[in-house]
């Protein structure tokens, strides 16, 4: 039963990420606010998985079909219901584990002295205290990226 749920959960996991290297379609070609900052501290964290209900629903269907096919008549119905409940619980657990991701909490200090903390999935950039970074805010989301040095124009 779990092997039937894994493709569904993998699809869900691919759609939900907090990676700074992945830009959501709705954020493309939108003006974002950019702030300069310096990294104060970085620590690894885990973003807990989500339960959208799709994993539970898929598990319930698979468990119900598998359970009802195990017997016939009245027993098949009872076993089917039990299979659906067990499948839903297993589907939720698989979805939650599949959408969990390794992340970093980055504490930065802005030029005006204020500090901010941002949690984002571990992307391709590795941050360390003292790094010059920019905060890119679009709507209600903010991501941290390393500041690129720009040579002065002559």
N, C-alpha and C. Protein backbone atom coordinates (compact mmCIF):
# COMPACT_ATOMS: atom_id res chain seq x y z
N UNK A 1 0.83 -1.19 0.00
CA UNK A 1 0.00 0.00 0.00
C UNK A 1 0.87 1.25 0.00
N UNK A 2 1.96 1.25 0.80
CA UNK A 2 2.80 2.44 0.87
C UNK A 2 3.46 2.74 -0.47
N UNK A 3 3.80 1.70 -1.23
CA UNK A 3 4.46 1.93 -2.51
C UNK A 3 3.52 2.61 -3.50
N UNK A 4 2.22 2.42 -3.36
CA UNK A 4 1.27 3.11 -4.22
C UNK A 4 1.13 4.58 -3.85
N UNK A 5 1.35 4.91 -2.58
CA UNK A 5 1.22 6.30 -2.13
C UNK A 5 2.46 7.13 -2.42
N UNK A 6 3.61 6.49 -2.52
CA UNK A 6 4.85 7.25 -2.67
C UNK A 6 4.87 8.16 -3.90
N UNK A 7 4.39 7.74 -5.08
CA UNK A 7 4.38 8.68 -6.22
C UNK A 7 3.51 9.90 -5.96
N UNK A 8 2.36 9.72 -5.30
CA UNK A 8 1.47 10.85 -5.00
C UNK A 8 2.17 11.82 -4.05
N UNK A 9 2.80 11.28 -3.01
CA UNK A 9 3.48 12.13 -2.03
C UNK A 9 4.69 12.80 -2.66
N UNK A 10 5.41 12.11 -3.53
CA UNK A 10 6.56 12.73 -4.20
C UNK A 10 6.11 13.90 -5.05
N UNK A 11 4.98 13.77 -5.70
CA UNK A 11 4.44 14.87 -6.50
C UNK A 11 4.08 16.06 -5.62
N UNK A 12 3.47 15.79 -4.48
CA UNK A 12 3.12 16.85 -3.53
C UNK A 12 4.38 17.53 -3.02
N UNK A 13 5.39 16.74 -2.66
CA UNK A 13 6.64 17.29 -2.13
C UNK A 13 7.33 18.17 -3.15
N UNK A 14 7.26 17.79 -4.41
CA UNK A 14 7.90 18.59 -5.45
C UNK A 14 7.23 19.94 -5.63
N UNK A 15 5.97 20.03 -5.29
CA UNK A 15 5.23 21.28 -5.46
C UNK A 15 5.42 22.25 -4.31
N UNK A 16 5.79 21.76 -3.15
CA UNK A 16 5.90 22.62 -1.97
C UNK A 16 7.34 22.68 -1.50
N UNK A 17 7.97 23.83 -1.67
CA UNK A 17 9.34 23.98 -1.21
C UNK A 17 9.57 25.41 -0.75
N UNK A 18 10.50 25.57 0.16
CA UNK A 18 10.89 26.91 0.58
C UNK A 18 12.30 27.22 0.10
N UNK A 19 12.75 26.50 -0.92
CA UNK A 19 14.10 26.69 -1.44
C UNK A 19 14.26 28.08 -2.05
N UNK A 20 15.36 28.77 -1.71
CA UNK A 20 15.60 30.08 -2.31
C UNK A 20 15.99 29.98 -3.79
N UNK A 21 16.29 28.77 -4.25
CA UNK A 21 16.66 28.56 -5.65
C UNK A 21 15.44 28.31 -6.54
N UNK A 22 14.25 28.20 -5.94
CA UNK A 22 13.02 27.95 -6.69
C UNK A 22 12.10 29.16 -6.50
N UNK A 23 11.76 29.80 -7.60
CA UNK A 23 10.87 30.96 -7.58
C UNK A 23 9.48 30.50 -8.01
N UNK A 24 8.47 30.83 -7.22
CA UNK A 24 7.11 30.46 -7.56
C UNK A 24 6.66 31.21 -8.80
N UNK A 25 5.84 30.58 -9.63
CA UNK A 25 5.38 31.18 -10.89
C UNK A 25 4.75 32.55 -10.67
N UNK A 26 3.97 32.73 -9.62
CA UNK A 26 3.32 34.00 -9.35
C UNK A 26 4.29 35.12 -8.97
N UNK A 27 5.53 34.76 -8.58
CA UNK A 27 6.53 35.76 -8.19
C UNK A 27 7.42 36.18 -9.36
N UNK A 28 7.33 35.47 -10.48
CA UNK A 28 8.14 35.82 -11.64
C UNK A 28 7.67 37.14 -12.24
N UNK A 29 8.58 37.93 -12.67
CA UNK A 29 8.33 39.23 -13.30
C UNK A 29 7.52 40.17 -12.41
N UNK A 30 7.73 40.07 -11.10
CA UNK A 30 7.12 40.99 -10.15
C UNK A 30 8.23 41.79 -9.51
N UNK A 31 7.95 43.05 -9.24
CA UNK A 31 8.92 43.90 -8.57
C UNK A 31 9.05 43.48 -7.12
N UNK A 32 10.28 43.29 -6.66
CA UNK A 32 10.53 42.89 -5.28
C UNK A 32 11.31 43.98 -4.57
N UNK A 33 11.12 44.05 -3.26
CA UNK A 33 11.90 44.97 -2.44
C UNK A 33 13.21 44.30 -2.08
N UNK A 34 14.32 45.04 -2.15
CA UNK A 34 15.64 44.50 -1.85
C UNK A 34 16.28 45.32 -0.74
N UNK A 35 16.81 44.64 0.29
CA UNK A 35 17.50 45.31 1.39
C UNK A 35 18.88 44.68 1.58
N UNK A 36 19.88 45.53 1.82
CA UNK A 36 21.22 45.04 2.11
C UNK A 36 21.30 44.67 3.58
N UNK A 37 22.07 43.62 3.87
CA UNK A 37 22.23 43.16 5.25
C UNK A 37 23.53 42.40 5.39
N UNK A 38 23.87 42.09 6.64
CA UNK A 38 25.05 41.29 6.97
C UNK A 38 24.57 40.11 7.81
N UNK A 39 25.08 38.91 7.51
CA UNK A 39 24.71 37.73 8.27
C UNK A 39 25.32 37.80 9.66
N UNK A 40 24.51 37.61 10.69
CA UNK A 40 24.95 37.60 12.08
C UNK A 40 25.13 36.15 12.56
N UNK A 41 24.17 35.29 12.20
CA UNK A 41 24.22 33.90 12.65
C UNK A 41 23.45 33.01 11.68
N UNK A 42 23.89 31.76 11.56
CA UNK A 42 23.21 30.77 10.73
C UNK A 42 23.14 29.48 11.52
N UNK A 43 21.98 28.84 11.51
CA UNK A 43 21.88 27.54 12.17
C UNK A 43 20.94 26.63 11.38
N UNK A 44 21.24 25.35 11.36
CA UNK A 44 20.38 24.41 10.64
C UNK A 44 19.07 24.18 11.39
N UNK A 45 17.99 24.07 10.67
CA UNK A 45 16.67 23.77 11.23
C UNK A 45 15.96 22.81 10.27
N UNK A 46 14.83 22.29 10.69
CA UNK A 46 14.02 21.42 9.84
C UNK A 46 12.64 22.05 9.70
N UNK A 47 12.17 22.20 8.46
CA UNK A 47 10.81 22.68 8.21
C UNK A 47 9.92 21.44 8.23
N UNK A 48 8.99 21.42 9.18
CA UNK A 48 8.10 20.27 9.35
C UNK A 48 7.26 20.06 8.09
N UNK A 49 6.95 18.82 7.80
CA UNK A 49 6.15 18.49 6.64
C UNK A 49 4.70 18.94 6.78
N UNK A 50 4.02 18.98 5.66
CA UNK A 50 2.63 19.43 5.65
C UNK A 50 1.70 18.24 5.44
N UNK A 51 0.46 18.45 5.76
CA UNK A 51 -0.58 17.45 5.54
C UNK A 51 -1.74 18.14 4.84
N UNK A 52 -1.73 18.08 3.52
CA UNK A 52 -2.77 18.74 2.73
C UNK A 52 -4.05 17.93 2.69
N UNK A 53 -3.96 16.65 3.05
CA UNK A 53 -5.12 15.76 2.97
C UNK A 53 -5.07 14.85 1.76
N UNK A 54 -4.24 15.19 0.79
CA UNK A 54 -4.13 14.36 -0.42
C UNK A 54 -3.53 13.00 -0.08
N UNK A 55 -2.50 12.98 0.77
CA UNK A 55 -1.89 11.71 1.17
C UNK A 55 -2.88 10.84 1.91
N UNK A 56 -3.65 11.45 2.82
CA UNK A 56 -4.66 10.70 3.56
C UNK A 56 -5.76 10.17 2.67
N UNK A 57 -6.21 11.00 1.73
CA UNK A 57 -7.28 10.58 0.81
C UNK A 57 -6.80 9.44 -0.08
N UNK A 58 -5.59 9.58 -0.62
CA UNK A 58 -5.04 8.52 -1.47
C UNK A 58 -4.86 7.24 -0.67
N UNK A 59 -4.37 7.37 0.56
CA UNK A 59 -4.20 6.20 1.42
C UNK A 59 -5.52 5.53 1.75
N UNK A 60 -6.56 6.34 1.98
CA UNK A 60 -7.88 5.78 2.28
C UNK A 60 -8.42 4.99 1.10
N UNK A 61 -8.26 5.52 -0.10
CA UNK A 61 -8.75 4.81 -1.29
C UNK A 61 -8.00 3.49 -1.46
N UNK A 62 -6.67 3.57 -1.42
CA UNK A 62 -5.87 2.35 -1.60
C UNK A 62 -6.17 1.34 -0.51
N UNK A 63 -6.22 1.79 0.75
CA UNK A 63 -6.51 0.89 1.86
C UNK A 63 -7.90 0.30 1.79
N UNK A 64 -8.88 1.11 1.40
CA UNK A 64 -10.25 0.63 1.29
C UNK A 64 -10.41 -0.41 0.20
N UNK A 65 -9.81 -0.15 -0.96
CA UNK A 65 -9.88 -1.11 -2.06
C UNK A 65 -9.16 -2.40 -1.69
N UNK A 66 -7.96 -2.26 -1.13
CA UNK A 66 -7.20 -3.45 -0.74
C UNK A 66 -7.92 -4.24 0.33
N UNK A 67 -8.50 -3.57 1.31
CA UNK A 67 -9.20 -4.24 2.39
C UNK A 67 -10.48 -4.91 1.93
N UNK A 68 -11.25 -4.25 1.08
CA UNK A 68 -12.52 -4.83 0.64
C UNK A 68 -12.31 -6.01 -0.29
N UNK A 69 -11.17 -6.02 -0.98
CA UNK A 69 -10.87 -7.15 -1.87
C UNK A 69 -10.37 -8.36 -1.12
N UNK A 70 -10.06 -8.21 0.16
CA UNK A 70 -9.52 -9.31 0.95
C UNK A 70 -10.60 -10.32 1.32
N UNK A 71 -11.84 -9.88 1.42
CA UNK A 71 -12.95 -10.76 1.80
C UNK A 71 -14.17 -10.38 0.99
N UNK A 72 -15.21 -11.23 1.08
CA UNK A 72 -16.44 -10.86 0.38
C UNK A 72 -17.59 -10.70 1.36
N UNK A 73 -18.62 -10.06 0.87
CA UNK A 73 -19.80 -9.86 1.70
C UNK A 73 -19.59 -8.83 2.78
N UNK A 74 -20.24 -9.09 3.90
CA UNK A 74 -20.22 -8.16 5.03
C UNK A 74 -18.80 -7.99 5.59
N UNK A 75 -18.05 -9.06 5.66
CA UNK A 75 -16.68 -9.00 6.16
C UNK A 75 -15.83 -8.10 5.28
N UNK A 76 -16.05 -8.18 3.96
CA UNK A 76 -15.30 -7.35 3.03
C UNK A 76 -15.54 -5.87 3.26
N UNK A 77 -16.77 -5.50 3.60
CA UNK A 77 -17.09 -4.10 3.89
C UNK A 77 -16.37 -3.64 5.14
N UNK A 78 -16.41 -4.44 6.20
CA UNK A 78 -15.77 -4.09 7.46
C UNK A 78 -14.25 -3.98 7.27
N UNK A 79 -13.67 -4.97 6.60
CA UNK A 79 -12.23 -4.94 6.36
C UNK A 79 -11.87 -3.76 5.44
N UNK A 80 -12.75 -3.45 4.50
CA UNK A 80 -12.53 -2.29 3.62
C UNK A 80 -12.51 -0.98 4.39
N UNK A 81 -13.43 -0.82 5.33
CA UNK A 81 -13.48 0.40 6.16
C UNK A 81 -12.22 0.49 7.02
N UNK A 82 -11.85 -0.62 7.64
CA UNK A 82 -10.63 -0.63 8.46
C UNK A 82 -9.41 -0.32 7.58
N UNK A 83 -9.37 -0.90 6.39
CA UNK A 83 -8.27 -0.63 5.46
C UNK A 83 -8.21 0.84 5.07
N UNK A 84 -9.38 1.45 4.88
CA UNK A 84 -9.43 2.87 4.52
C UNK A 84 -8.89 3.74 5.65
N UNK A 85 -9.26 3.42 6.88
CA UNK A 85 -8.78 4.21 8.04
C UNK A 85 -7.26 4.05 8.18
N UNK A 86 -6.78 2.82 8.14
CA UNK A 86 -5.34 2.58 8.25
C UNK A 86 -4.60 3.24 7.09
N UNK A 87 -5.18 3.15 5.88
CA UNK A 87 -4.57 3.78 4.71
C UNK A 87 -4.49 5.29 4.84
N UNK A 88 -5.54 5.90 5.39
CA UNK A 88 -5.55 7.36 5.57
C UNK A 88 -4.48 7.79 6.55
N UNK A 89 -4.34 7.07 7.66
CA UNK A 89 -3.31 7.40 8.66
C UNK A 89 -1.92 7.24 8.04
N UNK A 90 -1.71 6.13 7.33
CA UNK A 90 -0.41 5.90 6.70
C UNK A 90 -0.13 6.95 5.62
N UNK A 91 -1.16 7.29 4.84
CA UNK A 91 -0.98 8.30 3.79
C UNK A 91 -0.61 9.66 4.35
N UNK A 92 -1.25 10.07 5.45
CA UNK A 92 -0.89 11.34 6.10
C UNK A 92 0.54 11.32 6.59
N UNK A 93 0.95 10.21 7.21
CA UNK A 93 2.33 10.11 7.73
C UNK A 93 3.34 10.15 6.60
N UNK A 94 3.06 9.47 5.50
CA UNK A 94 3.98 9.45 4.36
C UNK A 94 4.07 10.85 3.74
N UNK A 95 2.93 11.52 3.61
CA UNK A 95 2.93 12.88 3.04
C UNK A 95 3.74 13.83 3.92
N UNK A 96 3.54 13.74 5.22
CA UNK A 96 4.26 14.63 6.14
C UNK A 96 5.76 14.40 6.06
N UNK A 97 6.18 13.14 6.03
CA UNK A 97 7.61 12.83 5.93
C UNK A 97 8.17 13.25 4.57
N UNK A 98 7.37 13.13 3.52
CA UNK A 98 7.83 13.48 2.19
C UNK A 98 7.94 14.97 1.94
N UNK A 99 7.26 15.78 2.72
CA UNK A 99 7.30 17.23 2.51
C UNK A 99 8.18 17.94 3.54
N UNK A 100 8.83 17.19 4.40
CA UNK A 100 9.75 17.76 5.39
C UNK A 100 11.04 18.14 4.67
N UNK A 101 11.67 19.26 5.06
CA UNK A 101 12.91 19.65 4.38
C UNK A 101 13.92 20.28 5.33
N UNK A 102 15.19 20.06 4.99
CA UNK A 102 16.30 20.67 5.73
C UNK A 102 16.35 22.15 5.37
N UNK A 103 16.57 22.98 6.36
CA UNK A 103 16.56 24.43 6.13
C UNK A 103 17.60 25.10 7.02
N UNK A 104 17.72 26.41 6.86
CA UNK A 104 18.60 27.21 7.71
C UNK A 104 17.83 28.42 8.21
N UNK A 105 18.12 28.79 9.44
CA UNK A 105 17.62 30.04 9.99
C UNK A 105 18.78 31.02 9.89
N UNK A 106 18.56 32.12 9.17
CA UNK A 106 19.61 33.11 8.95
C UNK A 106 19.21 34.38 9.68
N UNK A 107 20.03 34.80 10.62
CA UNK A 107 19.78 36.07 11.31
C UNK A 107 20.69 37.11 10.66
N UNK A 108 20.08 38.20 10.24
CA UNK A 108 20.82 39.26 9.55
C UNK A 108 20.63 40.58 10.27
N UNK A 109 21.58 41.48 10.04
CA UNK A 109 21.45 42.85 10.56
C UNK A 109 21.40 43.79 9.37
N UNK A 110 20.34 44.60 9.35
CA UNK A 110 20.16 45.58 8.29
C UNK A 110 21.09 46.78 8.52
N UNK A 111 21.21 47.62 7.52
CA UNK A 111 22.08 48.81 7.64
C UNK A 111 21.63 49.74 8.76
N UNK A 112 20.32 49.77 9.05
CA UNK A 112 19.83 50.66 10.10
C UNK A 112 19.97 50.06 11.50
N UNK A 113 20.59 48.86 11.60
CA UNK A 113 20.82 48.22 12.89
C UNK A 113 19.77 47.20 13.29
N UNK A 114 18.61 47.21 12.61
CA UNK A 114 17.57 46.23 12.94
C UNK A 114 18.02 44.83 12.53
N UNK A 115 17.52 43.84 13.26
CA UNK A 115 17.84 42.44 12.95
C UNK A 115 16.59 41.73 12.48
N UNK A 116 16.79 40.79 11.58
CA UNK A 116 15.69 39.98 11.04
C UNK A 116 16.14 38.52 11.03
N UNK A 117 15.19 37.61 11.16
CA UNK A 117 15.46 36.17 11.04
C UNK A 117 14.61 35.62 9.90
N UNK A 118 15.24 34.87 9.01
CA UNK A 118 14.55 34.27 7.88
C UNK A 118 14.88 32.79 7.87
N UNK A 119 13.86 31.96 7.71
CA UNK A 119 14.06 30.52 7.56
C UNK A 119 13.79 30.17 6.11
N UNK A 120 14.74 29.50 5.48
CA UNK A 120 14.56 29.05 4.11
C UNK A 120 15.27 27.71 3.93
N UNK A 121 14.81 26.94 2.96
CA UNK A 121 15.44 25.65 2.68
C UNK A 121 16.89 25.88 2.31
N UNK A 122 17.72 24.89 2.60
CA UNK A 122 19.13 24.98 2.23
C UNK A 122 19.21 24.99 0.72
N UNK A 123 19.70 26.06 0.17
CA UNK A 123 19.85 26.18 -1.28
C UNK A 123 21.30 25.95 -1.69
N UNK A 124 21.66 26.47 -2.83
CA UNK A 124 23.02 26.27 -3.35
C UNK A 124 24.04 27.16 -2.64
N UNK A 125 23.60 28.25 -2.01
CA UNK A 125 24.52 29.14 -1.32
C UNK A 125 24.66 28.74 0.15
N UNK A 126 25.88 28.84 0.66
CA UNK A 126 26.16 28.56 2.06
C UNK A 126 26.50 29.90 2.72
N UNK A 127 25.83 30.20 3.81
CA UNK A 127 26.02 31.48 4.48
C UNK A 127 26.85 31.32 5.75
N UNK A 128 27.62 32.38 6.07
CA UNK A 128 28.44 32.41 7.28
C UNK A 128 28.36 33.81 7.87
N UNK A 129 28.54 33.92 9.19
CA UNK A 129 28.55 35.25 9.81
C UNK A 129 29.53 36.18 9.10
N UNK A 130 29.08 37.41 8.86
CA UNK A 130 29.91 38.40 8.17
C UNK A 130 29.63 38.50 6.68
N UNK A 131 28.94 37.53 6.10
CA UNK A 131 28.63 37.58 4.67
C UNK A 131 27.70 38.76 4.37
N UNK A 132 28.00 39.46 3.28
CA UNK A 132 27.12 40.52 2.77
C UNK A 132 26.01 39.83 1.99
N UNK A 133 24.76 40.14 2.32
CA UNK A 133 23.62 39.50 1.67
C UNK A 133 22.58 40.55 1.30
N UNK A 134 21.62 40.13 0.50
CA UNK A 134 20.45 40.95 0.21
C UNK A 134 19.21 40.14 0.56
N UNK A 135 18.22 40.83 1.11
CA UNK A 135 16.93 40.23 1.38
C UNK A 135 16.01 40.63 0.24
N UNK A 136 15.45 39.66 -0.44
CA UNK A 136 14.55 39.91 -1.55
C UNK A 136 13.14 39.55 -1.10
N UNK A 137 12.28 40.57 -0.98
CA UNK A 137 10.92 40.36 -0.49
C UNK A 137 9.92 40.59 -1.61
N UNK A 138 9.08 39.58 -1.83
CA UNK A 138 8.01 39.67 -2.82
C UNK A 138 6.74 39.24 -2.12
N UNK A 139 5.80 40.15 -1.99
CA UNK A 139 4.58 39.82 -1.27
C UNK A 139 4.91 39.53 0.18
N UNK A 140 4.50 38.36 0.66
CA UNK A 140 4.75 38.00 2.05
C UNK A 140 5.95 37.08 2.22
N UNK A 141 6.69 36.82 1.15
CA UNK A 141 7.85 35.94 1.25
C UNK A 141 9.15 36.72 1.11
N UNK A 142 10.17 36.28 1.84
CA UNK A 142 11.49 36.89 1.77
C UNK A 142 12.51 35.78 1.63
N UNK A 143 13.50 35.97 0.77
CA UNK A 143 14.59 35.02 0.65
C UNK A 143 15.90 35.76 0.78
N UNK A 144 16.93 35.04 1.21
CA UNK A 144 18.25 35.62 1.40
C UNK A 144 19.17 35.09 0.30
N UNK A 145 19.95 35.98 -0.28
CA UNK A 145 20.93 35.58 -1.28
C UNK A 145 22.19 36.40 -1.07
N UNK A 146 23.33 35.86 -1.46
CA UNK A 146 24.58 36.59 -1.26
C UNK A 146 24.62 37.82 -2.16
N UNK A 147 25.17 38.88 -1.64
CA UNK A 147 25.30 40.12 -2.41
C UNK A 147 26.44 39.95 -3.40
N UNK A 148 26.20 40.38 -4.59
CA UNK A 148 27.25 40.33 -5.62
C UNK A 148 28.01 41.65 -5.63
N UNK A 149 29.31 41.56 -5.61
CA UNK A 149 30.09 42.80 -5.65
C UNK A 149 30.05 43.36 -7.06
N UNK A 150 29.86 44.66 -7.13
CA UNK A 150 29.76 45.34 -8.40
C UNK A 150 30.95 46.29 -8.53
N UNK A 151 31.67 46.16 -9.63
CA UNK A 151 32.81 47.05 -9.86
C UNK A 151 32.31 48.44 -10.18
N UNK A 152 32.93 49.48 -9.59
CA UNK A 152 32.49 50.84 -9.88
C UNK A 152 32.71 51.20 -11.35
N UNK A 153 31.78 51.99 -11.88
CA UNK A 153 31.91 52.43 -13.27
C UNK A 153 32.99 53.48 -13.39
N UNK A 154 33.69 53.43 -14.49
CA UNK A 154 34.74 54.45 -14.71
C UNK A 154 34.22 55.63 -15.44
